[in-house]
Amino acid sequence: MVPHLFDLNSTWHLPAPPEQVWAIIADVDMSWPHWWPGCSFAAPLTRTESRSSSQEDVLKATTAQLNFKAFLRYTLTITIHPTSVDPPTDIHFDAGGHLEGIGRVTVSPEAAGRSRMDISWRVRPTQRWMNLMSPIAAPLFAAAHKLLMRQGEKGLIRALSEQMPEGTS
């Protein structure tokens, strides 16, 4: 059985400029589990020797193994390894674990100091049960992804609001 290919796309509208969004999403210590409900570390970050101490090189030398808990009562463990980093706008990454493939996050400015973040995944499940269920459950898996991403967007908005000086938003 050929695993089902999922093209999953999300757009987040965020109340902060791209540089502020970038500072959180491209944190070399991977702060996602601190602000994203349903996301936790599956293992400590692994890091190979980076070419330099720049954020881009440190990110490309880092692999995060994360658990994402879906509302359908399953947890996916996904590794994320940046392959291309262009601050403060673009990260390409390889995904592994329960979903294998590629992804991209692009941050762009919107009016009035706001940002748009586009997230795309092109992945295939590696778990047998997901591959067996995909022909009939693909819409449910896509809905679970959409809800999990919405939780991430809300969490990132909260994290950004905590960083904003009083009287701004």
Protein backbone atom coordinates (compact mmCIF):
# COMPACT_ATOMS: atom_id res chain seq x y z
CA MET A 1 0.00 0.00 0.00
CA VAL A 2 1.36 3.40 -1.03
CA PRO A 3 1.10 5.86 1.87
CA HIS A 4 -1.34 8.72 1.36
CA LEU A 5 0.31 12.06 0.54
CA PHE A 6 -1.01 14.97 2.57
CA ASP A 7 -0.61 18.57 1.43
CA LEU A 8 -1.49 20.55 4.54
CA ASN A 9 -1.52 24.33 4.44
CA SER A 10 -2.29 26.90 7.12
CA THR A 11 -2.22 30.66 7.28
CA TRP A 12 -1.86 32.47 10.59
CA HIS A 13 -2.52 36.19 10.99
CA LEU A 14 -0.43 37.55 13.84
CA PRO A 15 -0.47 40.86 15.74
CA ALA A 16 3.26 41.58 15.49
CA PRO A 17 5.86 42.45 12.84
CA PRO A 18 7.76 39.61 11.12
CA GLU A 19 10.93 40.13 13.19
CA GLN A 20 9.03 39.58 16.44
CA VAL A 21 7.25 36.50 15.06
CA TRP A 22 10.58 35.17 13.78
CA ALA A 23 12.21 35.60 17.19
CA ILE A 24 9.70 33.13 18.64
CA ILE A 25 9.24 30.60 15.84
CA ALA A 26 12.94 30.38 14.95
CA ASP A 27 14.23 30.29 18.51
CA VAL A 28 17.31 28.02 18.51
CA ASP A 29 16.11 26.49 21.80
CA MET A 30 12.76 25.61 20.17
CA SER A 31 10.22 27.30 22.44
CA TRP A 32 7.19 25.84 20.63
CA PRO A 33 6.13 23.53 23.50
CA HIS A 34 5.97 26.57 25.80
CA TRP A 35 3.28 28.32 23.77
CA TRP A 36 1.67 25.65 21.53
CA PRO A 37 -1.05 23.63 23.30
CA GLY A 38 -0.78 19.96 22.36
CA CYS A 39 2.94 20.23 21.53
CA SER A 40 5.65 18.78 23.76
CA PHE A 41 9.22 17.59 23.42
CA ALA A 42 9.50 13.89 22.63
CA ALA A 43 13.25 14.03 23.27
CA PRO A 44 15.88 16.68 23.93
CA LEU A 45 17.02 18.73 20.95
CA THR A 46 19.89 17.19 19.05
CA ARG A 47 22.49 19.44 17.53
CA THR A 48 25.42 18.68 15.27
CA GLU A 49 28.36 21.04 15.07
CA SER A 50 27.23 24.17 13.26
CA ARG A 51 29.36 26.02 10.70
CA SER A 52 29.08 29.21 12.76
CA SER A 53 27.19 30.61 15.73
CA SER A 54 24.70 32.42 13.50
CA GLN A 55 21.03 31.67 14.09
CA GLU A 56 20.73 30.20 10.61
CA ASP A 57 23.62 27.79 11.05
CA VAL A 58 22.57 26.75 14.56
CA LEU A 59 19.02 26.08 13.33
CA LYS A 60 20.31 23.98 10.41
CA ALA A 61 22.39 21.97 12.90
CA THR A 62 19.36 21.31 15.13
CA THR A 63 16.76 18.56 15.03
CA ALA A 64 13.68 18.77 17.24
CA GLN A 65 11.61 15.72 18.06
CA LEU A 66 8.13 16.87 19.04
CA ASN A 67 4.88 15.23 20.07
CA PHE A 68 1.65 16.70 18.73
CA LYS A 69 -1.52 15.51 20.44
CA ALA A 70 -4.51 15.49 18.08
CA PHE A 71 -8.13 15.80 19.16
CA LEU A 72 -8.76 12.32 17.73
CA ARG A 73 -6.82 10.93 20.73
CA TYR A 74 -3.60 10.05 18.94
CA THR A 75 -0.18 11.59 19.27
CA LEU A 76 2.20 12.07 16.37
CA THR A 77 5.92 12.23 17.02
CA ILE A 78 7.56 14.35 14.34
CA THR A 79 11.16 15.34 13.84
CA ILE A 80 11.79 18.74 12.33
CA HIS A 81 15.16 19.56 10.82
CA PRO A 82 15.63 22.95 9.12
CA THR A 83 17.41 22.68 5.78
CA SER A 84 17.25 26.29 4.63
CA VAL A 85 16.87 29.39 6.80
CA ASP A 86 16.41 32.95 5.54
CA PRO A 87 15.67 35.26 8.50
CA PRO A 88 13.19 36.75 9.19
CA THR A 89 11.01 35.27 6.47
CA ASP A 90 11.59 31.66 5.52
CA ILE A 91 12.42 28.22 6.91
CA HIS A 92 12.39 25.00 4.87
CA PHE A 93 12.60 21.75 6.81
CA ASP A 94 12.61 17.99 6.55
CA ALA A 95 10.03 16.11 8.60
CA GLY A 96 10.46 12.60 9.92
CA GLY A 97 8.96 10.26 12.46
CA HIS A 98 5.25 9.51 12.11
CA LEU A 99 5.02 11.95 9.18
CA GLU A 100 7.82 12.05 6.62
CA GLY A 101 8.28 14.75 4.05
CA ILE A 102 9.02 18.43 3.81
CA GLY A 103 7.65 21.69 5.11
CA ARG A 104 8.02 25.41 4.85
CA VAL A 105 7.18 28.38 7.04
CA THR A 106 7.06 31.84 5.46
CA VAL A 107 6.51 35.04 7.45
CA SER A 108 5.50 38.20 5.60
CA PRO A 109 4.42 41.66 6.72
CA GLU A 110 0.81 42.78 6.71
CA ALA A 111 -0.60 46.23 7.36
CA ALA A 112 -0.20 48.04 10.68
CA GLY A 113 2.74 46.04 12.03
CA ARG A 114 1.05 42.67 11.66
CA SER A 115 2.33 39.47 10.02
CA ARG A 116 1.05 36.62 7.97
CA MET A 117 2.62 33.20 8.48
CA ASP A 118 2.06 30.55 5.83
CA ILE A 119 2.84 26.97 6.83
CA SER A 120 2.89 24.12 4.34
CA TRP A 121 3.56 20.44 4.88
CA ARG A 122 3.88 17.77 2.19
CA VAL A 123 4.03 14.56 4.19
CA ARG A 124 3.17 10.88 4.21
CA PRO A 125 2.27 8.93 7.35
CA THR A 126 4.67 6.19 8.38
CA GLN A 127 2.37 4.43 10.84
CA ARG A 128 0.61 1.39 9.44
CA TRP A 129 -2.73 2.24 11.07
CA MET A 130 -2.74 5.71 9.51
CA ASN A 131 -1.93 4.34 6.08
CA LEU A 132 -4.70 1.74 6.38
CA MET A 133 -7.19 4.38 7.55
CA SER A 134 -6.15 7.16 5.16
CA PRO A 135 -8.46 6.21 2.27
CA ILE A 136 -11.49 6.83 4.48
CA ALA A 137 -10.07 8.95 7.32
CA ALA A 138 -8.03 11.49 5.33
CA PRO A 139 -10.68 14.21 5.89
CA LEU A 140 -10.58 13.51 9.65
CA PHE A 141 -6.77 13.64 9.70
CA ALA A 142 -6.89 16.96 7.80
CA ALA A 143 -9.47 18.31 10.29
CA ALA A 144 -7.28 17.22 13.21
CA HIS A 145 -4.33 19.01 11.60
CA LYS A 146 -6.41 22.16 11.09
CA LEU A 147 -7.50 22.19 14.74
CA LEU A 148 -3.96 21.57 16.00
CA MET A 149 -2.68 24.40 13.82
CA ARG A 150 -5.43 26.71 15.08
CA GLN A 151 -4.29 25.93 18.65
CA GLY A 152 -0.74 26.80 17.62
CA GLU A 153 -1.88 30.10 16.11
CA LYS A 154 -3.77 31.04 19.29
CA GLY A 155 -0.78 30.06 21.43
CA LEU A 156 1.61 32.12 19.33
CA ILE A 157 -0.73 35.13 19.50
CA ARG A 158 -0.70 34.81 23.32
CA ALA A 159 3.11 34.53 23.35
CA LEU A 160 3.42 37.60 21.12
CA SER A 161 1.03 39.60 23.30
CA GLU A 162 3.12 38.78 26.37
CA GLN A 163 6.15 40.33 24.64
CA MET A 164 4.40 43.52 23.53
CA PRO A 165 4.92 46.71 25.51
CA GLU A 166 1.82 47.95 27.35
CA GLY A 167 -0.51 50.02 25.25
CA THR A 168 0.35 48.34 21.92
CA SER A 169 -1.42 45.67 19.91
